[in-house]
Amino acid sequence: MAEKEIVKRLRSEVERLIADHERVSAKCRELTQERDRLLVEKRRLEESVRELDTRLKSLELSSVMCGNDGSVERARQRVNSLLREVDRCIAALKQEQEDN
């Protein structure tokens, strides 16, 4: 009789564990889908930030170049910064050509 009770209890416990596993597996699938959706949204927002940052820098440069804020030194610094960036790009291209 005690063996039947042990078997019943084990069967009940196994059924509970199976139900828990199915529930947790479903939740895992749901969270995986949500994570994937959020990663896509994150990439979209990062791209938007890059575009807006580029636009802001262009607007700031045009504002400085037009003299709207009266800062010739600031315009000179920005132009020098852009020239250094161009120089770095040229150096990177030359290095790439040498490597190939």
Protein backbone atom coordinates (compact mmCIF):
# COMPACT_ATOMS: atom_id res chain seq x y z
CA MET A 1 0.00 0.00 0.00
CA ALA A 2 2.81 2.41 0.87
CA GLU A 3 4.41 1.69 -2.51
CA LYS A 4 1.21 2.75 -4.29
CA GLU A 5 1.20 6.03 -2.35
CA ILE A 6 4.85 6.64 -3.25
CA VAL A 7 4.12 5.93 -6.92
CA LYS A 8 1.06 8.22 -6.86
CA ARG A 9 3.05 10.96 -5.19
CA LEU A 10 5.93 10.59 -7.66
CA ARG A 11 3.49 10.60 -10.60
CA SER A 12 1.87 13.76 -9.22
CA GLU A 13 5.26 15.39 -8.76
CA VAL A 14 6.37 14.43 -12.28
CA GLU A 15 3.14 15.84 -13.76
CA ARG A 16 3.66 19.06 -11.82
CA LEU A 17 7.25 19.29 -13.04
CA ILE A 18 6.18 18.69 -16.64
CA ALA A 19 3.52 21.41 -16.35
CA ASP A 20 6.08 23.78 -14.83
CA HIS A 21 8.53 23.00 -17.63
CA GLU A 22 5.91 23.71 -20.30
CA ARG A 23 4.96 26.98 -18.61
CA VAL A 24 8.58 28.09 -18.27
CA SER A 25 9.36 27.06 -21.86
CA ALA A 26 6.43 29.14 -23.15
CA LYS A 27 7.59 32.12 -21.08
CA CYS A 28 11.11 31.68 -22.43
CA ARG A 29 9.84 31.72 -26.03
CA GLU A 30 7.79 34.83 -25.26
CA LEU A 31 10.77 36.61 -23.72
CA THR A 32 13.01 35.61 -26.62
CA GLN A 33 10.55 37.15 -29.08
CA GLU A 34 10.36 40.30 -26.99
CA ARG A 35 14.17 40.50 -26.80
CA ASP A 36 14.43 40.16 -30.58
CA ARG A 37 11.81 42.86 -31.09
CA LEU A 38 13.63 45.17 -28.67
CA LEU A 39 16.97 44.57 -30.40
CA VAL A 40 15.44 45.61 -33.73
CA GLU A 41 13.96 48.72 -32.10
CA LYS A 42 17.31 49.50 -30.44
CA ARG A 43 19.13 49.31 -33.78
CA ARG A 44 16.53 51.55 -35.40
CA LEU A 45 16.86 54.12 -32.61
CA GLU A 46 20.66 54.02 -32.71
CA GLU A 47 20.55 54.71 -36.45
CA SER A 48 18.16 57.57 -35.84
CA VAL A 49 20.48 59.02 -33.20
CA ARG A 50 23.44 58.80 -35.62
CA GLU A 51 21.45 60.57 -38.33
CA LEU A 52 20.28 63.27 -35.94
CA ASP A 53 23.79 63.72 -34.57
CA THR A 54 25.14 64.16 -38.09
CA ARG A 55 22.39 66.64 -38.87
CA LEU A 56 23.06 68.56 -35.65
CA LYS A 57 26.78 68.80 -36.42
CA SER A 58 25.99 70.08 -39.90
CA LEU A 59 23.61 72.67 -38.53
CA GLU A 60 26.11 73.76 -35.91
CA LEU A 61 28.81 74.09 -38.54
CA SER A 62 26.58 76.09 -40.86
CA SER A 63 25.55 78.31 -37.95
CA VAL A 64 29.17 78.92 -37.01
CA MET A 65 30.19 79.51 -40.62
CA CYS A 66 27.40 82.05 -41.09
CA GLY A 67 28.63 83.85 -38.05
CA ASN A 68 25.33 83.57 -36.23
CA ASP A 69 27.08 83.26 -32.89
CA GLY A 70 29.96 85.56 -33.80
CA SER A 71 32.64 83.00 -33.02
CA VAL A 72 35.25 82.93 -35.73
CA GLU A 73 37.58 80.91 -33.49
CA ARG A 74 34.94 78.25 -33.00
CA ALA A 75 34.45 78.00 -36.77
CA ARG A 76 38.20 77.66 -37.24
CA GLN A 77 38.35 74.89 -34.63
CA ARG A 78 35.50 73.01 -36.29
CA VAL A 79 37.09 73.27 -39.74
CA ASN A 80 40.41 72.06 -38.31
CA SER A 81 38.63 69.15 -36.64
CA LEU A 82 37.00 68.21 -39.94
CA LEU A 83 40.34 68.44 -41.75
CA ARG A 84 41.95 66.14 -39.18
CA GLU A 85 39.12 63.68 -39.66
CA VAL A 86 39.63 63.79 -43.45
CA ASP A 87 43.37 63.24 -42.93
CA ARG A 88 42.65 60.19 -40.73
CA CYS A 89 40.34 58.78 -43.40
CA ILE A 90 42.95 59.29 -46.11
CA ALA A 91 45.61 57.61 -43.95
CA ALA A 92 43.27 54.66 -43.30
CA LEU A 93 42.60 54.29 -47.03
CA LYS A 94 46.32 54.38 -47.83
CA GLN A 95 47.00 51.78 -45.13
CA GLU A 96 44.25 49.56 -46.54
CA GLN A 97 45.70 49.85 -50.04
CA GLU A 98 49.18 48.97 -48.74
CA ASP A 99 47.79 45.93 -46.92
CA ASN A 100 46.13 44.65 -50.09
